[in-house]
Amino acid sequence: MKKHRRFNMTFMAVTLPSLVTVGLFNLAIDPYGVIDSPEISGLNELRTQKFHNVRLFKAIDVTRVEPKTLLLGSSRTDLGLDPTHPALTNKQPAYNLGLVGPNIYEVKRYFEHSLANQPELKTVVLGIDLFMFNEYKINEVDFSEDRLEKENLTAQELLNVTLSTSAIQSSAKTIKSSIDSDAYYLYRPDGMRYVYGNEPNEPIPKKFKGSIGGLRKGEGYYKKYQLSEEFLVNLQEIVDICKQQNIELKVFISPSHASQWENLRAAELWSVFEEWKRQLVKITPVWDFSGYNTITTEAISKDMENYWDSSHYRKEVGDLVLNRIFDYQKDKVPTDFGVLLTQENIESNLAKINTQREIWSNKNSDVVEFVESLQP
């Protein structure tokens, strides 16, 4: 018994100081930005690991900010919509709660989480994408119900961000990035992701090839596709809550590049895309920025002004989206960019997009061939 007691005392004497040291180290570096530790130049100012833990840090961030305006959606919202846009001046504070690769259920739960912590929410802007309504699009691995509708980290997550091996590794990467001033994706305090240095880390045409290839037949988010009735119900629930709470809701379809829509055709999903829009307008009017318009048909080059890749639009495009849906400086928005879809005009607009596609494809056969060459 004495030997066991001596061993336990020795073990605790060695282990406890180590655990305390590790915990204090991770608390100070705060690589995920969830402890609210101060940023120190050359130490932890470039928190590159936040990108890999979006669902964690944004769940905490939104409880601190208590926004009156939420910008919801996928990574397209995350990277493209600016909470400081002038149209939102009287709707502050605003927070970008875009997630990376979510289905609409995840988006709904983060909306409910925000509302639980900020009952005075007044405005919601929701960017939606076809993949978010795929029956086979399961919740991402870092999604956790346990952290939602709470103000603080759970006990388990507090342990994870202070004492885990992954936290130590993330802290080390944060320090290295901050010392070397080496980062790509970072986040502003209002939740918007940006590209550090504002330069792509590889040529844009190559990024296009990668992002289009990720949506080819039988791969990525479209490995299998079935429009989910349950996910449509989730959208209806968001609409209903906003009506009940008198929250202004603006829903829009993301303005990805024309090559992305061409890829849907090549993957034999264009009819599904159209049916999805028909189902959407049964729930709520939707601003449609997809298709073949002045913005989305920008020529693919290394000096593109509108896109980071075929999927993600730049802030400048996001500004035009917000201009259109809030009727702000609409003279700066191309007349063909953004149409409010309703049950009354859905069919005419679907036909118009198909006509625009024919005109565009005849002039851009090289892009059509490029997209088709990426299909198996």
Protein backbone atom coordinates (compact mmCIF):
# COMPACT_ATOMS: atom_id res chain seq x y z
CA MET A 1 0.00 0.00 0.00
CA LYS A 2 2.83 2.38 0.85
CA LYS A 3 4.51 1.67 -2.50
CA HIS A 4 1.26 2.32 -4.36
CA ARG A 5 0.69 5.53 -2.44
CA ARG A 6 4.24 6.67 -3.12
CA PHE A 7 3.83 5.89 -6.83
CA ASN A 8 0.55 7.82 -7.01
CA MET A 9 2.03 10.81 -5.25
CA THR A 10 5.05 10.82 -7.55
CA PHE A 11 2.85 10.43 -10.62
CA MET A 12 0.63 13.33 -9.56
CA ALA A 13 3.64 15.48 -8.69
CA VAL A 14 5.01 15.01 -12.19
CA THR A 15 1.76 14.99 -14.15
CA LEU A 16 -0.18 17.87 -12.60
CA PRO A 17 2.46 20.57 -13.24
CA SER A 18 2.78 19.31 -16.82
CA LEU A 19 -0.98 19.44 -17.36
CA VAL A 20 -1.16 22.92 -15.84
CA THR A 21 1.70 24.09 -18.07
CA VAL A 22 0.10 22.65 -21.20
CA GLY A 23 -3.28 24.10 -20.28
CA LEU A 24 -1.90 27.57 -19.62
CA PHE A 25 0.11 27.42 -22.86
CA ASN A 26 -2.97 26.60 -24.95
CA LEU A 27 -5.08 29.13 -23.06
CA ALA A 28 -2.55 31.85 -23.86
CA ILE A 29 -2.16 30.94 -27.55
CA ASP A 30 -5.89 30.20 -27.98
CA PRO A 31 -5.41 28.81 -31.52
CA TYR A 32 -9.17 28.50 -32.17
CA GLY A 33 -10.10 31.90 -30.76
CA VAL A 34 -12.60 30.47 -28.27
CA ILE A 35 -11.00 31.61 -25.00
CA ASP A 36 -10.81 35.27 -26.05
CA SER A 37 -7.12 35.51 -25.19
CA PRO A 38 -5.46 38.67 -26.52
CA GLU A 39 -3.67 38.60 -29.86
CA ILE A 40 0.05 39.23 -29.56
CA SER A 41 2.13 40.12 -32.61
CA GLY A 42 4.56 37.39 -33.54
CA LEU A 43 2.92 34.91 -31.19
CA ASN A 44 -0.74 34.19 -31.96
CA GLU A 45 -2.06 36.96 -34.19
CA LEU A 46 -2.39 34.63 -37.22
CA ARG A 47 -4.80 31.98 -36.00
CA THR A 48 -4.69 29.78 -39.07
CA GLN A 49 -6.29 26.83 -37.28
CA LYS A 50 -9.65 28.58 -36.99
CA PHE A 51 -10.41 27.58 -40.59
CA HIS A 52 -10.29 23.92 -39.57
CA ASN A 53 -12.56 24.54 -36.57
CA VAL A 54 -15.22 26.87 -37.98
CA ARG A 55 -18.18 25.22 -36.25
CA LEU A 56 -16.38 25.45 -32.92
CA PHE A 57 -15.22 29.04 -32.90
CA LYS A 58 -18.28 30.53 -34.61
CA ALA A 59 -20.59 28.90 -32.08
CA ILE A 60 -18.70 30.80 -29.37
CA ASP A 61 -18.13 34.00 -31.35
CA VAL A 62 -21.79 34.56 -32.08
CA THR A 63 -22.64 34.48 -28.36
CA ARG A 64 -20.09 37.22 -27.72
CA VAL A 65 -21.10 39.45 -30.63
CA GLU A 66 -24.86 39.07 -30.06
CA PRO A 67 -25.56 40.17 -33.64
CA LYS A 68 -28.71 41.92 -34.80
CA THR A 69 -27.89 40.65 -38.32
CA LEU A 70 -26.76 37.15 -39.32
CA LEU A 71 -25.20 36.14 -42.62
CA LEU A 72 -25.79 32.40 -42.99
CA GLY A 73 -24.84 29.76 -45.54
CA SER A 74 -21.92 27.73 -46.81
CA SER A 75 -18.26 28.61 -47.39
CA ARG A 76 -19.48 30.85 -50.22
CA THR A 77 -21.11 33.09 -47.61
CA ASP A 78 -18.16 32.59 -45.26
CA LEU A 79 -15.72 34.01 -47.82
CA GLY A 80 -17.98 36.36 -49.77
CA LEU A 81 -20.40 38.32 -47.58
CA ASP A 82 -19.13 41.31 -45.62
CA PRO A 83 -20.90 42.15 -42.32
CA THR A 84 -19.63 45.75 -42.62
CA HIS A 85 -21.40 46.36 -45.95
CA PRO A 86 -23.01 49.86 -46.02
CA ALA A 87 -26.46 48.35 -46.57
CA LEU A 88 -26.13 46.87 -43.08
CA THR A 89 -25.07 50.11 -41.37
CA ASN A 90 -28.34 50.38 -39.46
CA LYS A 91 -28.45 46.65 -38.79
CA GLN A 92 -25.35 46.29 -36.63
CA PRO A 93 -23.78 44.38 -35.10
CA ALA A 94 -23.68 41.90 -37.97
CA TYR A 95 -21.91 38.54 -37.96
CA ASN A 96 -20.92 36.16 -40.76
CA LEU A 97 -22.00 32.70 -39.58
CA GLY A 98 -21.21 30.94 -42.85
CA LEU A 99 -20.01 27.35 -42.34
CA VAL A 100 -17.76 25.16 -44.47
CA GLY A 101 -19.62 22.40 -46.32
CA PRO A 102 -22.86 22.34 -44.30
CA ASN A 103 -26.21 20.85 -45.10
CA ILE A 104 -29.22 23.07 -44.44
CA TYR A 105 -29.95 21.31 -41.13
CA GLU A 106 -26.59 22.45 -39.74
CA VAL A 107 -27.34 25.99 -40.90
CA LYS A 108 -30.76 25.87 -39.24
CA ARG A 109 -29.27 24.70 -35.94
CA TYR A 110 -26.67 27.49 -35.94
CA PHE A 111 -29.47 29.96 -36.66
CA GLU A 112 -31.42 28.58 -33.69
CA HIS A 113 -28.27 28.70 -31.56
CA SER A 114 -27.82 32.37 -32.43
CA LEU A 115 -31.44 33.20 -31.72
CA ALA A 116 -31.27 31.44 -28.35
CA ASN A 117 -28.38 33.71 -27.37
CA GLN A 118 -29.71 36.85 -29.07
CA PRO A 119 -33.50 37.11 -28.98
CA GLU A 120 -33.25 40.60 -30.51
CA LEU A 121 -32.05 39.24 -33.85
CA LYS A 122 -33.61 41.40 -36.58
CA THR A 123 -32.19 40.40 -39.97
CA VAL A 124 -31.05 37.14 -41.55
CA VAL A 125 -29.37 36.79 -44.93
CA LEU A 126 -29.23 33.15 -46.03
CA GLY A 127 -27.13 31.98 -48.98
CA ILE A 128 -28.16 28.52 -50.19
CA ASP A 129 -26.61 25.95 -52.53
CA LEU A 130 -27.88 22.78 -54.16
CA PHE A 131 -25.49 20.50 -52.26
CA MET A 132 -26.95 21.67 -48.95
CA PHE A 133 -30.23 19.91 -49.81
CA ASN A 134 -28.74 16.56 -50.81
CA GLU A 135 -30.25 13.70 -48.81
CA TYR A 136 -26.81 12.08 -48.72
CA LYS A 137 -25.10 15.21 -47.33
CA ILE A 138 -24.61 14.15 -43.72
CA ASN A 139 -23.53 16.51 -40.95
CA GLU A 140 -19.84 17.34 -41.05
CA VAL A 141 -17.64 15.55 -38.51
CA ASP A 142 -17.02 18.72 -36.49
CA PHE A 143 -20.75 19.42 -36.06
CA SER A 144 -21.92 18.90 -32.47
CA GLU A 145 -25.38 19.42 -31.03
CA ASP A 146 -23.86 19.60 -27.54
CA ARG A 147 -22.27 23.01 -28.14
CA LEU A 148 -25.44 24.65 -29.50
CA GLU A 149 -27.92 26.85 -27.64
CA LYS A 150 -25.36 27.38 -24.87
CA GLU A 151 -23.32 30.45 -23.99
CA ASN A 152 -20.02 28.76 -23.21
CA LEU A 153 -17.87 25.80 -24.13
CA THR A 154 -18.93 22.45 -22.73
CA ALA A 155 -16.61 20.86 -20.19
CA GLN A 156 -15.45 18.34 -22.80
CA GLU A 157 -14.67 21.02 -25.36
CA LEU A 158 -12.81 23.08 -22.78
CA LEU A 159 -10.60 20.04 -22.17
CA ASN A 160 -10.19 19.56 -25.92
CA VAL A 161 -9.00 23.12 -26.54
CA THR A 162 -6.63 23.21 -23.56
CA LEU A 163 -5.23 19.75 -22.88
CA SER A 164 -5.53 17.71 -26.06
CA THR A 165 -2.69 16.76 -28.38
CA SER A 166 -4.47 18.47 -31.28
CA ALA A 167 -4.67 21.71 -29.27
CA ILE A 168 -0.91 21.58 -28.62
CA GLN A 169 -0.26 21.00 -32.32
CA SER A 170 -2.62 23.84 -33.27
CA SER A 171 -0.91 26.19 -30.84
CA ALA A 172 2.49 25.30 -32.30
CA LYS A 173 1.22 25.93 -35.84
CA THR A 174 -0.28 29.24 -34.75
CA ILE A 175 3.01 30.39 -33.27
CA LYS A 176 4.95 29.34 -36.36
CA SER A 177 2.49 31.09 -38.69
CA SER A 178 2.61 34.25 -36.58
CA ILE A 179 6.41 34.31 -36.43
CA ASP A 180 6.81 33.61 -40.15
CA SER A 181 3.83 35.80 -41.14
CA ASP A 182 2.71 32.79 -43.15
CA ALA A 183 -1.04 32.35 -43.52
CA TYR A 184 -3.70 31.89 -46.17
CA TYR A 185 -7.19 31.76 -44.68
CA LEU A 186 -7.86 33.93 -41.63
CA TYR A 187 -10.99 35.29 -39.94
CA ARG A 188 -12.05 38.76 -38.91
CA PRO A 189 -13.75 39.34 -35.52
CA ASP A 190 -17.10 39.59 -37.35
CA GLY A 191 -16.75 36.03 -38.69
CA MET A 192 -15.82 36.82 -42.29
CA ARG A 193 -13.05 34.72 -43.80
CA TYR A 194 -10.43 36.46 -45.89
CA VAL A 195 -7.29 35.56 -47.80
CA TYR A 196 -4.23 36.85 -45.97
CA GLY A 197 -2.27 39.06 -48.34
CA ASN A 198 -5.25 38.90 -50.73
CA GLU A 199 -3.35 36.70 -53.18
CA PRO A 200 -4.24 33.11 -54.16
CA ASN A 201 -1.68 30.48 -53.18
CA GLU A 202 -1.88 28.89 -56.65
CA PRO A 203 -2.97 30.11 -60.10
CA ILE A 204 -6.72 30.71 -60.38
CA PRO A 205 -7.14 28.50 -63.50
CA LYS A 206 -5.64 25.63 -61.50
CA LYS A 207 -8.03 26.38 -58.64
CA PHE A 208 -10.91 26.25 -61.12
CA LYS A 209 -9.79 22.85 -62.30
CA GLY A 210 -9.70 21.60 -58.73
CA SER A 211 -13.06 23.04 -57.66
CA ILE A 212 -14.83 21.83 -60.80
CA GLY A 213 -13.19 18.43 -60.53
CA GLY A 214 -14.45 18.16 -56.97
CA LEU A 215 -18.01 18.20 -58.30
CA ARG A 216 -17.60 15.80 -61.19
CA LYS A 217 -19.89 12.81 -61.55
CA GLY A 218 -19.81 10.41 -58.65
CA GLU A 219 -17.50 12.49 -56.47
CA GLY A 220 -17.59 15.02 -53.64
CA TYR A 221 -20.90 16.53 -52.60
CA TYR A 222 -22.58 15.02 -55.65
CA LYS A 223 -21.31 11.46 -55.35
CA LYS A 224 -25.01 10.62 -55.05
CA TYR A 225 -27.79 13.14 -55.15
CA GLN A 226 -31.39 13.00 -53.99
CA LEU A 227 -33.29 16.17 -53.22
CA SER A 228 -34.20 15.86 -49.54
CA GLU A 229 -37.75 16.54 -48.40
CA GLU A 230 -36.46 16.78 -44.84
CA PHE A 231 -33.94 19.47 -45.75
CA LEU A 232 -36.67 21.43 -47.54
CA VAL A 233 -38.65 21.23 -44.31
CA ASN A 234 -35.61 22.62 -42.47
CA LEU A 235 -35.67 25.64 -44.76
CA GLN A 236 -39.39 26.00 -44.13
CA GLU A 237 -38.68 25.97 -40.39
CA ILE A 238 -36.17 28.82 -40.76
CA VAL A 239 -38.77 30.80 -42.73
CA ASP A 240 -41.47 30.09 -40.15
CA ILE A 241 -39.29 31.11 -37.20
CA CYS A 242 -38.40 34.37 -38.92
CA LYS A 243 -42.06 35.12 -39.53
CA GLN A 244 -42.99 34.30 -35.95
CA GLN A 245 -40.16 36.41 -34.54
CA ASN A 246 -40.66 39.25 -37.03
CA ILE A 247 -37.14 38.75 -38.39
CA GLU A 248 -36.39 40.12 -41.85
CA LEU A 249 -35.24 37.18 -44.00
CA LYS A 250 -33.42 37.41 -47.34
CA VAL A 251 -32.71 34.09 -49.10
CA PHE A 252 -30.46 33.89 -52.15
CA ILE A 253 -28.84 31.31 -54.41
CA SER A 254 -25.07 31.79 -54.46
CA PRO A 255 -23.49 33.34 -57.58
CA SER A 256 -20.92 30.68 -58.41
CA HIS A 257 -19.12 30.87 -61.74
CA ALA A 258 -20.86 29.73 -64.95
CA SER A 259 -18.45 26.80 -65.18
CA GLN A 260 -19.96 25.49 -61.95
CA TRP A 261 -23.41 25.43 -63.54
CA GLU A 262 -21.95 23.84 -66.63
CA ASN A 263 -20.55 21.16 -64.40
CA LEU A 264 -24.04 20.42 -63.06
CA ARG A 265 -25.14 19.82 -66.65
CA ALA A 266 -22.19 17.54 -67.30
CA ALA A 267 -23.02 15.63 -64.12
CA GLU A 268 -26.63 15.27 -65.33
CA LEU A 269 -27.98 17.33 -62.44
CA TRP A 270 -29.35 20.35 -64.27
CA SER A 271 -32.96 19.11 -64.11
CA VAL A 272 -32.48 18.50 -60.38
CA PHE A 273 -31.15 22.04 -60.01
CA GLU A 274 -34.27 23.41 -61.71
CA GLU A 275 -36.61 21.27 -59.62
CA TRP A 276 -34.83 22.45 -56.47
CA LYS A 277 -35.62 26.04 -57.43
CA ARG A 278 -39.27 25.14 -57.99
CA GLN A 279 -39.44 23.65 -54.51
CA LEU A 280 -37.71 26.66 -52.96
CA VAL A 281 -40.22 29.21 -54.22
CA LYS A 282 -43.05 27.16 -52.72
CA ILE A 283 -41.45 27.97 -49.38
CA THR A 284 -40.26 31.56 -49.84
CA PRO A 285 -39.24 34.05 -52.54
CA VAL A 286 -35.56 33.54 -53.40
CA TRP A 287 -33.04 35.86 -55.00
CA ASP A 288 -31.33 33.93 -57.77
CA PHE A 289 -27.78 34.95 -58.67
CA SER A 290 -26.95 31.71 -60.46
CA GLY A 291 -26.94 31.16 -64.21
CA TYR A 292 -25.15 32.99 -67.00
CA ASN A 293 -24.98 36.71 -66.29
CA THR A 294 -22.49 39.56 -66.42
CA ILE A 295 -20.79 38.50 -63.18
CA THR A 296 -20.84 34.70 -63.43
CA THR A 297 -19.51 34.54 -66.99
CA GLU A 298 -16.23 36.32 -66.24
CA ALA A 299 -13.45 34.83 -68.39
CA ILE A 300 -11.27 32.35 -66.52
CA SER A 301 -7.79 33.83 -66.11
CA LYS A 302 -5.07 34.43 -63.55
CA ASP A 303 -6.37 37.96 -62.97
CA MET A 304 -10.03 37.33 -62.17
CA GLU A 305 -11.86 40.06 -60.25
CA ASN A 306 -14.99 38.13 -59.26
CA TYR A 307 -13.88 34.64 -58.20
CA TRP A 308 -11.32 32.71 -56.15
CA ASP A 309 -12.36 29.50 -57.92
CA SER A 310 -15.44 28.18 -59.73
CA SER A 311 -17.38 27.89 -56.48
CA HIS A 312 -16.34 30.86 -54.32
CA TYR A 313 -17.05 34.46 -55.25
CA ARG A 314 -15.04 37.38 -53.92
CA LYS A 315 -16.19 40.07 -51.52
CA GLU A 316 -16.75 42.44 -54.45
CA VAL A 317 -19.42 40.09 -55.79
CA GLY A 318 -20.86 39.62 -52.32
CA ASP A 319 -21.19 43.41 -52.10
CA LEU A 320 -23.27 43.39 -55.29
CA VAL A 321 -25.46 40.62 -53.85
CA LEU A 322 -26.14 42.71 -50.75
CA ASN A 323 -26.71 45.80 -52.87
CA ARG A 324 -29.37 43.96 -54.85
CA ILE A 325 -31.27 42.28 -52.06
CA PHE A 326 -31.32 45.42 -49.88
CA ASP A 327 -31.95 47.78 -52.81
CA TYR A 328 -28.78 49.72 -52.02
CA GLN A 329 -26.97 51.64 -54.77
CA LYS A 330 -28.65 49.38 -57.31
CA ASP A 331 -27.19 51.49 -60.15
CA LYS A 332 -23.84 49.77 -59.39
CA VAL A 333 -25.32 46.28 -59.91
CA PRO A 334 -25.46 44.82 -63.44
CA THR A 335 -29.09 44.70 -64.51
CA ASP A 336 -28.93 40.96 -65.22
CA PHE A 337 -27.43 40.07 -61.82
CA GLY A 338 -30.04 38.86 -59.35
CA VAL A 339 -33.69 38.00 -59.98
CA LEU A 340 -36.28 37.51 -57.25
CA LEU A 341 -37.85 34.13 -57.97
CA THR A 342 -41.48 33.52 -57.02
CA GLN A 343 -44.06 30.89 -57.87
CA GLU A 344 -45.39 33.27 -60.51
CA ASN A 345 -42.14 33.79 -62.43
CA ILE A 346 -40.14 30.62 -61.77
CA GLU A 347 -40.81 28.92 -65.10
CA SER A 348 -40.10 32.00 -67.20
CA ASN A 349 -36.82 32.55 -65.36
CA LEU A 350 -35.75 28.92 -65.78
CA ALA A 351 -36.41 29.27 -69.51
CA LYS A 352 -34.49 32.55 -69.61
CA ILE A 353 -31.43 30.96 -67.99
CA ASN A 354 -31.48 28.14 -70.55
CA THR A 355 -31.59 30.70 -73.35
CA GLN A 356 -28.71 32.63 -71.80
CA ARG A 357 -26.79 29.39 -71.48
CA GLU A 358 -27.15 28.62 -75.18
CA ILE A 359 -25.82 32.06 -76.12
CA TRP A 360 -22.93 31.78 -73.67
CA SER A 361 -21.97 28.20 -74.60
CA ASN A 362 -21.84 29.07 -78.30
CA LYS A 363 -19.28 31.76 -77.52
CA ASN A 364 -17.39 29.76 -74.90
CA SER A 365 -17.12 26.26 -76.30
CA ASP A 366 -13.60 26.03 -74.85
CA VAL A 367 -14.99 26.34 -71.29
CA VAL A 368 -17.71 23.79 -72.03
CA GLU A 369 -15.11 21.36 -73.37
CA PHE A 370 -12.85 22.06 -70.39
CA VAL A 371 -15.63 21.18 -67.94
CA GLU A 372 -16.68 18.08 -69.87
CA SER A 373 -13.06 16.89 -70.02
CA LEU A 374 -13.04 16.68 -66.21
CA GLN A 375 -15.94 14.21 -66.14
CA PRO A 376 -15.05 10.50 -65.86
